[in-house]
Every structure is written in C-alpha cells, then in structure tokens.
C-alpha cells in the first residue's frame, strides 16, 4: 500500500476513534437508569425517558462495535496487513477503504458473508 494512502487512512481512523470515544463518554448520562419517582415526572414522561434510554444504549453498543473495528484496523496497520482481505487475502480497493476505513473484507467476500 502506498505510504501516502496509508498515512491518510491512519489519520482518518484515529479521528474516527477519537470522535467515537468522545461520543461514548457523552452518552453515558443518556444511558443511565430512569428514575421511577412519580413526584418528579408523570407516567408518559417516564415512558419517553425509558425509550430514549433504550435508544441511547443501542447507539452506544453500535459505537462500541465500530470502535473495536477501528482499533482492529489500526492494529492491522501496525502489523502491515491493513488493506488485505482477511478472507481471501486479496487487496481491498482504495475506494472501499475510503468509504469504510475499518473494512476487513473485500467487497466480494463481504457480499458473500452477508448473503449467508
């Protein structure tokens, strides 16, 4: 992989990692348990708060999964295997890596995996 492209992808991955890390820190409060104090909020407000809590928890889970994928991509960079498909060993296209810098599969192997 060309050094300039590798540097560009490392910067993108590090920026995404930093953004996700900050977002996860900010979302801890939104994921906190909902108090059931009826003197402070009515039943509908409590239900709304519980729905918002569930959405925040789902968003956090998604962010943690993406963060793990980014960390794995950075590790592959350090090992020198970034940009190689983990399934077939072929090079992952630059366009795919620009769209999904943490991609670990080429588009053909990803399509195959999704169809199964």
PDB file of N, CA and C in Angstrom:
ATOM      1  N   UNK A   1       0.855  -1.166   0.000  1.00  0.00           N
ATOM      2  CA  UNK A   1       0.000   0.000   0.000  1.00  0.00           C
ATOM      3  C   UNK A   1       0.898   1.226   0.000  1.00  0.00           C
ATOM      4  N   UNK A   2       0.504   2.197  -0.764  1.00  0.00           N
ATOM      5  CA  UNK A   2       1.305   3.412  -0.857  1.00  0.00           C
ATOM      6  C   UNK A   2       1.343   4.114   0.496  1.00  0.00           C
ATOM      7  N   UNK A   3       2.504   4.662   0.809  1.00  0.00           N
ATOM      8  CA  UNK A   3       2.708   5.286   2.116  1.00  0.00           C
ATOM      9  C   UNK A   3       1.773   6.470   2.341  1.00  0.00           C
ATOM     10  N   UNK A   4       1.559   7.292   1.324  1.00  0.00           N
ATOM     11  CA  UNK A   4       0.687   8.465   1.457  1.00  0.00           C
ATOM     12  C   UNK A   4      -0.741   8.025   1.793  1.00  0.00           C
ATOM     13  N   UNK A   5      -1.229   6.992   1.106  1.00  0.00           N
ATOM     14  CA  UNK A   5      -2.577   6.487   1.365  1.00  0.00           C
ATOM     15  C   UNK A   5      -2.651   5.895   2.767  1.00  0.00           C
ATOM     16  N   UNK A   6      -1.629   5.183   3.165  1.00  0.00           N
ATOM     17  CA  UNK A   6      -1.592   4.581   4.496  1.00  0.00           C
ATOM     18  C   UNK A   6      -1.640   5.647   5.585  1.00  0.00           C
ATOM     19  N   UNK A   7      -0.892   6.714   5.398  1.00  0.00           N
ATOM     20  CA  UNK A   7      -0.896   7.819   6.367  1.00  0.00           C
ATOM     21  C   UNK A   7      -2.278   8.464   6.421  1.00  0.00           C
ATOM     22  N   UNK A   8      -2.874   8.665   5.244  1.00  0.00           N
ATOM     23  CA  UNK A   8      -4.216   9.256   5.179  1.00  0.00           C
ATOM     24  C   UNK A   8      -5.231   8.391   5.931  1.00  0.00           C
ATOM     25  N   UNK A   9      -5.182   7.080   5.709  1.00  0.00           N
ATOM     26  CA  UNK A   9      -6.137   6.176   6.358  1.00  0.00           C
ATOM     27  C   UNK A   9      -5.897   6.115   7.871  1.00  0.00           C
ATOM     28  N   UNK A  10      -4.648   6.156   8.296  1.00  0.00           N
ATOM     29  CA  UNK A  10      -4.361   6.157   9.739  1.00  0.00           C
ATOM     30  C   UNK A  10      -4.951   7.406  10.385  1.00  0.00           C
ATOM     31  N   UNK A  11      -4.794   8.555   9.738  1.00  0.00           N
ATOM     32  CA  UNK A  11      -5.352   9.803  10.279  1.00  0.00           C
ATOM     33  C   UNK A  11      -6.875   9.739  10.355  1.00  0.00           C
ATOM     34  N   UNK A  12      -7.498   9.183   9.327  1.00  0.00           N
ATOM     35  CA  UNK A  12      -8.956   9.046   9.313  1.00  0.00           C
ATOM     36  C   UNK A  12      -9.403   8.125  10.444  1.00  0.00           C
ATOM     37  N   UNK A  13      -8.744   6.984  10.584  1.00  0.00           N
ATOM     38  CA  UNK A  13      -9.108   6.030  11.639  1.00  0.00           C
ATOM     39  C   UNK A  13      -8.908   6.635  13.025  1.00  0.00           C
ATOM     40  N   UNK A  14      -7.822   7.339  13.234  1.00  0.00           N
ATOM     41  CA  UNK A  14      -7.577   7.951  14.534  1.00  0.00           C
ATOM     42  C   UNK A  14      -8.609   9.034  14.843  1.00  0.00           C
ATOM     43  N   UNK A  15      -8.986   9.812  13.830  1.00  0.00           N
ATOM     44  CA  UNK A  15     -10.009  10.850  14.031  1.00  0.00           C
ATOM     45  C   UNK A  15     -11.359  10.210  14.365  1.00  0.00           C
ATOM     46  N   UNK A  16     -11.705   9.128  13.668  1.00  0.00           N
ATOM     47  CA  UNK A  16     -12.968   8.436  13.952  1.00  0.00           C
ATOM     48  C   UNK A  16     -12.944   7.823  15.348  1.00  0.00           C
ATOM     49  N   UNK A  17     -11.789   7.262  15.723  1.00  0.00           N
ATOM     50  CA  UNK A  17     -11.657   6.680  17.065  1.00  0.00           C
ATOM     51  C   UNK A  17     -11.869   7.749  18.125  1.00  0.00           C
ATOM     52  N   UNK A  18     -11.248   8.910  17.945  1.00  0.00           N
ATOM     53  CA  UNK A  18     -11.386   9.999  18.915  1.00  0.00           C
ATOM     54  C   UNK A  18     -12.829  10.485  19.004  1.00  0.00           C
ATOM     55  N   UNK A  19     -13.474  10.605  17.855  1.00  0.00           N
ATOM     56  CA  UNK A  19     -14.869  11.051  17.820  1.00  0.00           C
ATOM     57  C   UNK A  19     -15.785  10.050  18.529  1.00  0.00           C
ATOM     58  N   UNK A  20     -15.610   8.769  18.259  1.00  0.00           N
ATOM     59  CA  UNK A  20     -16.426   7.740  18.908  1.00  0.00           C
ATOM     60  C   UNK A  20     -16.167   7.688  20.403  1.00  0.00           C
ATOM     61  N   UNK A  21     -14.919   7.833  20.799  1.00  0.00           N
ATOM     62  CA  UNK A  21     -14.575   7.805  22.224  1.00  0.00           C
ATOM     63  C   UNK A  21     -15.249   8.955  22.961  1.00  0.00           C
ATOM     64  N   UNK A  22     -15.201  10.142  22.370  1.00  0.00           N
ATOM     65  CA  UNK A  22     -15.878  11.292  22.986  1.00  0.00           C
ATOM     66  C   UNK A  22     -17.388  11.091  23.019  1.00  0.00           C
ATOM     67  N   UNK A  23     -17.943  10.558  21.943  1.00  0.00           N
ATOM     68  CA  UNK A  23     -19.384  10.316  21.894  1.00  0.00           C
ATOM     69  C   UNK A  23     -19.833   9.309  22.932  1.00  0.00           C
ATOM     70  N   UNK A  24     -19.050   8.266  23.137  1.00  0.00           N
ATOM     71  CA  UNK A  24     -19.394   7.270  24.157  1.00  0.00           C
ATOM     72  C   UNK A  24     -19.339   7.875  25.551  1.00  0.00           C
ATOM     73  N   UNK A  25     -18.373   8.724  25.794  1.00  0.00           N
ATOM     74  CA  UNK A  25     -18.278   9.386  27.096  1.00  0.00           C
ATOM     75  C   UNK A  25     -19.491  10.285  27.322  1.00  0.00           C
ATOM     76  N   UNK A  26     -19.917  10.983  26.284  1.00  0.00           N
ATOM     77  CA  UNK A  26     -21.071  11.880  26.394  1.00  0.00           C
ATOM     78  C   UNK A  26     -22.381  11.117  26.567  1.00  0.00           C
ATOM     79  N   UNK A  27     -22.461   9.902  26.035  1.00  0.00           N
ATOM     80  CA  UNK A  27     -23.728   9.162  26.060  1.00  0.00           C
ATOM     81  C   UNK A  27     -23.944   8.384  27.354  1.00  0.00           C
ATOM     82  N   UNK A  28     -22.969   8.351  28.232  1.00  0.00           N
ATOM     83  CA  UNK A  28     -23.139   7.605  29.492  1.00  0.00           C
ATOM     84  C   UNK A  28     -24.323   8.134  30.296  1.00  0.00           C
ATOM     85  N   UNK A  29     -24.485   9.441  30.325  1.00  0.00           N
ATOM     86  CA  UNK A  29     -25.585  10.039  31.085  1.00  0.00           C
ATOM     87  C   UNK A  29     -26.933   9.659  30.481  1.00  0.00           C
ATOM     88  N   UNK A  30     -27.027   9.633  29.158  1.00  0.00           N
ATOM     89  CA  UNK A  30     -28.291   9.307  28.498  1.00  0.00           C
ATOM     90  C   UNK A  30     -28.662   7.842  28.699  1.00  0.00           C
ATOM     91  N   UNK A  31     -27.676   6.991  28.972  1.00  0.00           N
ATOM     92  CA  UNK A  31     -27.928   5.569  29.166  1.00  0.00           C
ATOM     93  C   UNK A  31     -28.181   5.208  30.624  1.00  0.00           C
ATOM     94  N   UNK A  32     -28.114   6.194  31.505  1.00  0.00           N
ATOM     95  CA  UNK A  32     -28.303   5.932  32.936  1.00  0.00           C
ATOM     96  C   UNK A  32     -29.716   5.432  33.195  1.00  0.00           C
ATOM     97  N   UNK A  33     -29.899   4.627  34.250  1.00  0.00           N
ATOM     98  CA  UNK A  33     -31.237   4.123  34.585  1.00  0.00           C
ATOM     99  C   UNK A  33     -32.234   5.267  34.802  1.00  0.00           C
ATOM    100  N   UNK A  34     -33.467   5.027  34.393  1.00  0.00           N
ATOM    101  CA  UNK A  34     -34.537   6.010  34.539  1.00  0.00           C
ATOM    102  C   UNK A  34     -35.120   5.888  35.928  1.00  0.00           C
ATOM    103  N   UNK A  35     -35.199   7.013  36.632  1.00  0.00           N
ATOM    104  CA  UNK A  35     -35.785   7.011  37.965  1.00  0.00           C
ATOM    105  C   UNK A  35     -37.292   6.841  37.863  1.00  0.00           C
ATOM    106  N   UNK A  36     -37.871   6.138  38.819  1.00  0.00           N
ATOM    107  CA  UNK A  36     -39.306   5.895  38.821  1.00  0.00           C
ATOM    108  C   UNK A  36     -40.006   6.730  39.891  1.00  0.00           C
ATOM    109  N   UNK A  37     -39.577   7.940  40.069  1.00  0.00           N
ATOM    110  CA  UNK A  37     -40.141   8.855  41.053  1.00  0.00           C
ATOM    111  C   UNK A  37     -41.324   9.583  40.419  1.00  0.00           C
ATOM    112  N   UNK A  38     -42.541   9.178  40.771  1.00  0.00           N
ATOM    113  CA  UNK A  38     -43.735   9.759  40.166  1.00  0.00           C
ATOM    114  C   UNK A  38     -43.959  11.200  40.599  1.00  0.00           C
ATOM    115  N   UNK A  39     -43.316  11.646  41.646  1.00  0.00           N
ATOM    116  CA  UNK A  39     -43.481  13.034  42.066  1.00  0.00           C
ATOM    117  C   UNK A  39     -42.687  13.967  41.162  1.00  0.00           C
ATOM    118  N   UNK A  40     -41.696  13.417  40.446  1.00  0.00           N
ATOM    119  CA  UNK A  40     -40.858  14.240  39.574  1.00  0.00           C
ATOM    120  C   UNK A  40     -41.327  14.202  38.128  1.00  0.00           C
ATOM    121  N   UNK A  41     -41.928  13.101  37.716  1.00  0.00           N
ATOM    122  CA  UNK A  41     -42.360  13.001  36.322  1.00  0.00           C
ATOM    123  C   UNK A  41     -43.559  12.067  36.225  1.00  0.00           C
ATOM    124  N   UNK A  42     -44.405  12.330  35.257  1.00  0.00           N
ATOM    125  CA  UNK A  42     -45.579  11.513  35.054  1.00  0.00           C
ATOM    126  C   UNK A  42     -45.246  10.222  34.320  1.00  0.00           C
ATOM    127  N   UNK A  43     -46.266   9.377  34.158  1.00  0.00           N
ATOM    128  CA  UNK A  43     -46.085   8.070  33.532  1.00  0.00           C
ATOM    129  C   UNK A  43     -45.602   8.189  32.095  1.00  0.00           C
ATOM    130  N   UNK A  44     -46.195   9.090  31.310  1.00  0.00           N
ATOM    131  CA  UNK A  44     -45.795   9.246  29.916  1.00  0.00           C
ATOM    132  C   UNK A  44     -44.376   9.792  29.794  1.00  0.00           C
ATOM    133  N   UNK A  45     -44.026  10.723  30.652  1.00  0.00           N
ATOM    134  CA  UNK A  45     -42.665  11.257  30.640  1.00  0.00           C
ATOM    135  C   UNK A  45     -41.660  10.161  30.976  1.00  0.00           C
ATOM    136  N   UNK A  46     -42.021   9.303  31.914  1.00  0.00           N
ATOM    137  CA  UNK A  46     -41.148   8.201  32.306  1.00  0.00           C
ATOM    138  C   UNK A  46     -40.989   7.210  31.146  1.00  0.00           C
ATOM    139  N   UNK A  47     -42.084   6.929  30.442  1.00  0.00           N
ATOM    140  CA  UNK A  47     -42.028   6.015  29.292  1.00  0.00           C
ATOM    141  C   UNK A  47     -41.163   6.608  28.184  1.00  0.00           C
ATOM    142  N   UNK A  48     -41.302   7.908  27.967  1.00  0.00           N
ATOM    143  CA  UNK A  48     -40.484   8.593  26.969  1.00  0.00           C
ATOM    144  C   UNK A  48     -39.007   8.527  27.363  1.00  0.00           C
ATOM    145  N   UNK A  49     -38.731   8.742  28.630  1.00  0.00           N
ATOM    146  CA  UNK A  49     -37.348   8.686  29.118  1.00  0.00           C
ATOM    147  C   UNK A  49     -36.771   7.281  28.962  1.00  0.00           C
ATOM    148  N   UNK A  50     -37.598   6.261  29.203  1.00  0.00           N
ATOM    149  CA  UNK A  50     -37.135   4.884  29.055  1.00  0.00           C
ATOM    150  C   UNK A  50     -36.866   4.551  27.588  1.00  0.00           C
ATOM    151  N   UNK A  51     -37.697   5.085  26.686  1.00  0.00           N
ATOM    152  CA  UNK A  51     -37.474   4.869  25.258  1.00  0.00           C
ATOM    153  C   UNK A  51     -36.175   5.563  24.817  1.00  0.00           C
ATOM    154  N   UNK A  52     -35.956   6.775  25.279  1.00  0.00           N
ATOM    155  CA  UNK A  52     -34.724   7.487  24.950  1.00  0.00           C
ATOM    156  C   UNK A  52     -33.508   6.747  25.509  1.00  0.00           C
ATOM    157  N   UNK A  53     -33.659   6.185  26.699  1.00  0.00           N
ATOM    158  CA  UNK A  53     -32.579   5.412  27.302  1.00  0.00           C
ATOM    159  C   UNK A  53     -32.251   4.192  26.436  1.00  0.00           C
ATOM    160  N   UNK A  54     -33.272   3.478  25.980  1.00  0.00           N
ATOM    161  CA  UNK A  54     -33.061   2.295  25.147  1.00  0.00           C
ATOM    162  C   UNK A  54     -32.376   2.664  23.829  1.00  0.00           C
ATOM    163  N   UNK A  55     -32.777   3.779  23.241  1.00  0.00           N
ATOM    164  CA  UNK A  55     -32.131   4.218  22.000  1.00  0.00           C
ATOM    165  C   UNK A  55     -30.677   4.610  22.250  1.00  0.00           C
ATOM    166  N   UNK A  56     -30.408   5.264  23.367  1.00  0.00           N
ATOM    167  CA  UNK A  56     -29.033   5.647  23.704  1.00  0.00           C
ATOM    168  C   UNK A  56     -28.175   4.405  23.934  1.00  0.00           C
ATOM    169  N   UNK A  57     -28.742   3.378  24.566  1.00  0.00           N
ATOM    170  CA  UNK A  57     -27.997   2.144  24.801  1.00  0.00           C
ATOM    171  C   UNK A  57     -27.689   1.433  23.490  1.00  0.00           C
ATOM    172  N   UNK A  58     -28.638   1.407  22.569  1.00  0.00           N
ATOM    173  CA  UNK A  58     -28.406   0.780  21.272  1.00  0.00           C
ATOM    174  C   UNK A  58     -27.353   1.539  20.480  1.00  0.00           C
ATOM    175  N   UNK A  59     -27.415   2.843  20.537  1.00  0.00           N
ATOM    176  CA  UNK A  59     -26.422   3.670  19.854  1.00  0.00           C
ATOM    177  C   UNK A  59     -25.034   3.446  20.445  1.00  0.00           C
ATOM    178  N   UNK A  60     -24.950   3.343  21.757  1.00  0.00           N
ATOM    179  CA  UNK A  60     -23.669   3.091  22.414  1.00  0.00           C
ATOM    180  C   UNK A  60     -23.104   1.734  22.017  1.00  0.00           C
ATOM    181  N   UNK A  61     -23.953   0.730  21.937  1.00  0.00           N
ATOM    182  CA  UNK A  61     -23.495  -0.608  21.540  1.00  0.00           C
ATOM    183  C   UNK A  61     -22.936  -0.575  20.125  1.00  0.00           C
ATOM    184  N   UNK A  62     -23.624   0.131  19.239  1.00  0.00           N
ATOM    185  CA  UNK A  62     -23.158   0.266  17.860  1.00  0.00           C
ATOM    186  C   UNK A  62     -21.821   1.012  17.810  1.00  0.00           C
ATOM    187  N   UNK A  63     -21.703   2.068  18.592  1.00  0.00           N
ATOM    188  CA  UNK A  63     -20.461   2.844  18.628  1.00  0.00           C
ATOM    189  C   UNK A  63     -19.309   2.014  19.187  1.00  0.00           C
ATOM    190  N   UNK A  64     -19.590   1.206  20.215  1.00  0.00           N
ATOM    191  CA  UNK A  64     -18.531   0.353  20.779  1.00  0.00           C
ATOM    192  C   UNK A  64     -18.062  -0.686  19.761  1.00  0.00           C
ATOM    193  N   UNK A  65     -18.990  -1.242  18.984  1.00  0.00           N
ATOM    194  CA  UNK A  65     -18.617  -2.215  17.955  1.00  0.00           C
ATOM    195  C   UNK A  65     -17.763  -1.554  16.871  1.00  0.00           C
ATOM    196  N   UNK A  66     -18.149  -0.369  16.455  1.00  0.00           N
ATOM    197  CA  UNK A  66     -17.367   0.343  15.430  1.00  0.00           C
ATOM    198  C   UNK A  66     -16.001   0.731  15.976  1.00  0.00           C
ATOM    199  N   UNK A  67     -15.940   1.141  17.235  1.00  0.00           N
ATOM    200  CA  UNK A  67     -14.674   1.487  17.859  1.00  0.00           C
ATOM    201  C   UNK A  67     -13.741   0.271  17.893  1.00  0.00           C
ATOM    202  N   UNK A  68     -14.280  -0.895  18.205  1.00  0.00           N
ATOM    203  CA  UNK A  68     -13.474  -2.122  18.214  1.00  0.00           C
ATOM    204  C   UNK A  68     -12.948  -2.428  16.815  1.00  0.00           C
ATOM    205  N   UNK A  69     -13.783  -2.211  15.786  1.00  0.00           N
ATOM    206  CA  UNK A  69     -13.353  -2.448  14.404  1.00  0.00           C
ATOM    207  C   UNK A  69     -12.248  -1.466  14.007  1.00  0.00           C
ATOM    208  N   UNK A  70     -12.345  -0.235  14.458  1.00  0.00           N
ATOM    209  CA  UNK A  70     -11.324   0.769  14.161  1.00  0.00           C
ATOM    210  C   UNK A  70     -10.015   0.412  14.863  1.00  0.00           C
ATOM    211  N   UNK A  71     -10.111   0.000  16.112  1.00  0.00           N
ATOM    212  CA  UNK A  71      -8.908  -0.419  16.841  1.00  0.00           C
ATOM    213  C   UNK A  71      -8.245  -1.604  16.137  1.00  0.00           C
ATOM    214  N   UNK A  72      -9.053  -2.547  15.653  1.00  0.00           N
ATOM    215  CA  UNK A  72      -8.509  -3.701  14.933  1.00  0.00           C
ATOM    216  C   UNK A  72      -7.831  -3.268  13.632  1.00  0.00           C
ATOM    217  N   UNK A  73      -8.415  -2.288  12.941  1.00  0.00           N
ATOM    218  CA  UNK A  73      -7.814  -1.782  11.701  1.00  0.00           C
ATOM    219  C   UNK A  73      -6.477  -1.101  11.986  1.00  0.00           C
ATOM    220  N   UNK A  74      -6.410  -0.338  13.069  1.00  0.00           N
ATOM    221  CA  UNK A  74      -5.148   0.301  13.437  1.00  0.00           C
ATOM    222  C   UNK A  74      -4.086  -0.747  13.799  1.00  0.00           C
ATOM    223  N   UNK A  75      -4.525  -1.814  14.435  1.00  0.00           N
ATOM    224  CA  UNK A  75      -3.588  -2.893  14.762  1.00  0.00           C
ATOM    225  C   UNK A  75      -3.075  -3.564  13.484  1.00  0.00           C
ATOM    226  N   UNK A  76      -3.983  -3.768  12.508  1.00  0.00           N
ATOM    227  CA  UNK A  76      -3.554  -4.348  11.226  1.00  0.00           C
ATOM    228  C   UNK A  76      -2.553  -3.432  10.529  1.00  0.00           C
ATOM    229  N   UNK A  77      -2.735  -2.130  10.674  1.00  0.00           N
ATOM    230  CA  UNK A  77      -1.771  -1.182  10.104  1.00  0.00           C
ATOM    231  C   UNK A  77      -0.398  -1.391  10.727  1.00  0.00           C
ATOM    232  N   UNK A  78      -0.378  -1.500  12.046  1.00  0.00           N
ATOM    233  CA  UNK A  78       0.887  -1.697  12.751  1.00  0.00           C
ATOM    234  C   UNK A  78       1.550  -3.015  12.344  1.00  0.00           C
ATOM    235  N   UNK A  79       0.743  -4.025  12.051  1.00  0.00           N
ATOM    236  CA  UNK A  79       1.259  -5.340  11.661  1.00  0.00           C
ATOM    237  C   UNK A  79       1.615  -5.413  10.179  1.00  0.00           C
ATOM    238  N   UNK A  80       1.171  -4.412   9.418  1.00  0.00           N
ATOM    239  CA  UNK A  80       1.458  -4.395   7.982  1.00  0.00           C
ATOM    240  C   UNK A  80       0.472  -5.157   7.122  1.00  0.00           C
ATOM    241  N   UNK A  81      -0.678  -5.529   7.692  1.00  0.00           N
ATOM    242  CA  UNK A  81      -1.665  -6.280   6.909  1.00  0.00           C
ATOM    243  C   UNK A  81      -2.919  -5.472   6.592  1.00  0.00           C
ATOM    244  N   UNK A  82      -2.901  -4.173   6.888  1.00  0.00           N
ATOM    245  CA  UNK A  82      -4.059  -3.326   6.597  1.00  0.00           C
ATOM    246  C   UNK A  82      -4.274  -3.273   5.088  1.00  0.00           C
ATOM    247  N   UNK A  83      -5.521  -3.394   4.681  1.00  0.00           N
ATOM    248  CA  UNK A  83      -5.858  -3.326   3.258  1.00  0.00           C
ATOM    249  C   UNK A  83      -5.881  -4.681   2.581  1.00  0.00           C
ATOM    250  N   UNK A  84      -5.570  -5.743   3.326  1.00  0.00           N
ATOM    251  CA  UNK A  84      -5.656  -7.096   2.791  1.00  0.00           C
ATOM    252  C   UNK A  84      -6.928  -7.737   3.320  1.00  0.00           C
ATOM    253  N   UNK A  85      -7.672  -8.390   2.443  1.00  0.00           N
ATOM    254  CA  UNK A  85      -8.898  -9.074   2.837  1.00  0.00           C
ATOM    255  C   UNK A  85      -8.545 -10.207   3.792  1.00  0.00           C
ATOM    256  N   UNK A  86      -9.224 -10.275   4.928  1.00  0.00           N
ATOM    257  CA  UNK A  86      -8.961 -11.300   5.930  1.00  0.00           C
ATOM    258  C   UNK A  86      -9.492 -12.662   5.497  1.00  0.00           C
ATOM    259  N   UNK A  87     -10.293 -12.692   4.450  1.00  0.00           N
ATOM    260  CA  UNK A  87     -10.863 -13.948   3.959  1.00  0.00           C
ATOM    261  C   UNK A  87     -10.056 -14.516   2.802  1.00  0.00           C
ATOM    262  N   UNK A  88      -9.895 -13.742   1.738  1.00  0.00           N
ATOM    263  CA  UNK A  88      -9.251 -14.263   0.521  1.00  0.00           C
ATOM    264  C   UNK A  88      -7.805 -13.804   0.352  1.00  0.00           C
ATOM    265  N   UNK A  89      -7.385 -12.787   1.106  1.00  0.00           N
ATOM    266  CA  UNK A  89      -6.019 -12.302   1.027  1.00  0.00           C
ATOM    267  C   UNK A  89      -5.764 -11.279  -0.070  1.00  0.00           C
ATOM    268  N   UNK A  90      -6.754 -11.015  -0.899  1.00  0.00           N
ATOM    269  CA  UNK A  90      -6.609 -10.013  -1.957  1.00  0.00           C
ATOM    270  C   UNK A  90      -6.645  -8.608  -1.359  1.00  0.00           C
ATOM    271  N   UNK A  91      -6.179  -7.652  -2.134  1.00  0.00           N
ATOM    272  CA  UNK A  91      -6.192  -6.251  -1.681  1.00  0.00           C
ATOM    273  C   UNK A  91      -7.623  -5.715  -1.663  1.00  0.00           C
ATOM    274  N   UNK A  92      -7.932  -4.970  -0.626  1.00  0.00           N
ATOM    275  CA  UNK A  92      -9.217  -4.270  -0.544  1.00  0.00           C
ATOM    276  C   UNK A  92      -9.052  -2.975  -1.323  1.00  0.00           C
ATOM    277  N   UNK A  93     -10.029  -2.649  -2.156  1.00  0.00           N
ATOM    278  CA  UNK A  93      -9.901  -1.466  -3.011  1.00  0.00           C
ATOM    279  C   UNK A  93      -9.794  -0.190  -2.176  1.00  0.00           C
ATOM    280  N   UNK A  94      -9.065   0.777  -2.722  1.00  0.00           N
ATOM    281  CA  UNK A  94      -8.889   2.061  -2.046  1.00  0.00           C
ATOM    282  C   UNK A  94     -10.236   2.752  -1.836  1.00  0.00           C
ATOM    283  N   UNK A  95     -11.137   2.626  -2.805  1.00  0.00           N
ATOM    284  CA  UNK A  95     -12.459   3.228  -2.671  1.00  0.00           C
ATOM    285  C   UNK A  95     -13.231   2.654  -1.503  1.00  0.00           C
ATOM    286  N   UNK A  96     -13.151   1.345  -1.319  1.00  0.00           N
ATOM    287  CA  UNK A  96     -13.833   0.700  -0.181  1.00  0.00           C
ATOM    288  C   UNK A  96     -13.205   1.163   1.131  1.00  0.00           C
ATOM    289  N   UNK A  97     -11.890   1.239   1.174  1.00  0.00           N
ATOM    290  CA  UNK A  97     -11.226   1.677   2.402  1.00  0.00           C
ATOM    291  C   UNK A  97     -11.526   3.137   2.715  1.00  0.00           C
ATOM    292  N   UNK A  98     -11.700   3.952   1.690  1.00  0.00           N
ATOM    293  CA  UNK A  98     -12.075   5.355   1.948  1.00  0.00           C
ATOM    294  C   UNK A  98     -13.501   5.428   2.505  1.00  0.00           C
ATOM    295  N   UNK A  99     -14.375   4.560   2.011  1.00  0.00           N
ATOM    296  CA  UNK A  99     -15.764   4.556   2.487  1.00  0.00           C
ATOM    297  C   UNK A  99     -15.883   3.921   3.872  1.00  0.00           C
ATOM    298  N   UNK A 100     -15.162   2.840   4.098  1.00  0.00           N
ATOM    299  CA  UNK A 100     -15.176   2.113   5.371  1.00  0.00           C
ATOM    300  C   UNK A 100     -13.739   1.807   5.752  1.00  0.00           C
ATOM    301  N   UNK A 101     -13.020   2.764   6.350  1.00  0.00           N
ATOM    302  CA  UNK A 101     -11.596   2.564   6.639  1.00  0.00           C
ATOM    303  C   UNK A 101     -11.308   1.349   7.516  1.00  0.00           C
ATOM    304  N   UNK A 102     -12.287   0.904   8.280  1.00  0.00           N
ATOM    305  CA  UNK A 102     -12.081  -0.250   9.154  1.00  0.00           C
ATOM    306  C   UNK A 102     -12.402  -1.583   8.474  1.00  0.00           C
ATOM    307  N   UNK A 103     -12.747  -1.539   7.175  1.00  0.00           N
ATOM    308  CA  UNK A 103     -13.128  -2.756   6.452  1.00  0.00           C
ATOM    309  C   UNK A 103     -12.048  -3.820   6.575  1.00  0.00           C
ATOM    310  N   UNK A 104     -12.485  -5.053   6.856  1.00  0.00           N
ATOM    311  CA  UNK A 104     -11.537  -6.159   6.958  1.00  0.00           C
ATOM    312  C   UNK A 104     -11.714  -7.165   5.836  1.00  0.00           C
ATOM    313  N   UNK A 105     -12.769  -6.974   5.035  1.00  0.00           N
ATOM    314  CA  UNK A 105     -13.050  -7.865   3.908  1.00  0.00           C
ATOM    315  C   UNK A 105     -13.176  -7.055   2.622  1.00  0.00           C
ATOM    316  N   UNK A 106     -12.771  -7.664   1.513  1.00  0.00           N
ATOM    317  CA  UNK A 106     -13.002  -7.032   0.212  1.00  0.00           C
ATOM    318  C   UNK A 106     -14.506  -7.064  -0.064  1.00  0.00           C
ATOM    319  N   UNK A 107     -14.927  -6.353  -1.063  1.00  0.00           N
ATOM    320  CA  UNK A 107     -16.363  -6.242  -1.346  1.00  0.00           C
ATOM    321  C   UNK A 107     -16.974  -7.589  -1.722  1.00  0.00           C
ATOM    322  N   UNK A 108     -16.227  -8.429  -2.444  1.00  0.00           N
ATOM    323  CA  UNK A 108     -16.747  -9.740  -2.827  1.00  0.00           C
ATOM    324  C   UNK A 108     -16.950 -10.633  -1.600  1.00  0.00           C
ATOM    325  N   UNK A 109     -15.965 -10.671  -0.720  1.00  0.00           N
ATOM    326  CA  UNK A 109     -16.080 -11.509   0.477  1.00  0.00           C
ATOM    327  C   UNK A 109     -17.137 -10.955   1.437  1.00  0.00           C
ATOM    328  N   UNK A 110     -17.259  -9.641   1.508  1.00  0.00           N
ATOM    329  CA  UNK A 110     -18.292  -9.027   2.351  1.00  0.00           C
ATOM    330  C   UNK A 110     -19.681  -9.388   1.830  1.00  0.00           C
ATOM    331  N   UNK A 111     -19.858  -9.309   0.502  1.00  0.00           N
ATOM    332  CA  UNK A 111     -21.139  -9.679  -0.108  1.00  0.00           C
ATOM    333  C   UNK A 111     -21.468 -11.136   0.155  1.00  0.00           C
ATOM    334  N   UNK A 112     -20.454 -11.981   0.051  1.00  0.00           N
ATOM    335  CA  UNK A 112     -20.647 -13.413   0.319  1.00  0.00           C
ATOM    336  C   UNK A 112     -21.042 -13.653   1.767  1.00  0.00           C
ATOM    337  N   UNK A 113     -20.372 -12.979   2.676  1.00  0.00           N
ATOM    338  CA  UNK A 113     -20.669 -13.134   4.095  1.00  0.00           C
ATOM    339  C   UNK A 113     -22.083 -12.645   4.436  1.00  0.00           C
ATOM    340  N   UNK A 114     -22.507 -11.547   3.819  1.00  0.00           N
ATOM    341  CA  UNK A 114     -23.834 -11.005   4.078  1.00  0.00           C
ATOM    342  C   UNK A 114     -24.938 -11.876   3.499  1.00  0.00           C
ATOM    343  N   UNK A 115     -24.648 -12.587   2.425  1.00  0.00           N
ATOM    344  CA  UNK A 115     -25.675 -13.420   1.803  1.00  0.00           C
ATOM    345  C   UNK A 115     -25.895 -14.724   2.568  1.00  0.00           C
ATOM    346  N   UNK A 116     -24.961 -15.074   3.426  1.00  0.00           N
ATOM    347  CA  UNK A 116     -25.098 -16.330   4.191  1.00  0.00           C
ATOM    348  C   UNK A 116     -25.758 -16.144   5.491  1.00  0.00           C
TER     349      UNK A 116
END
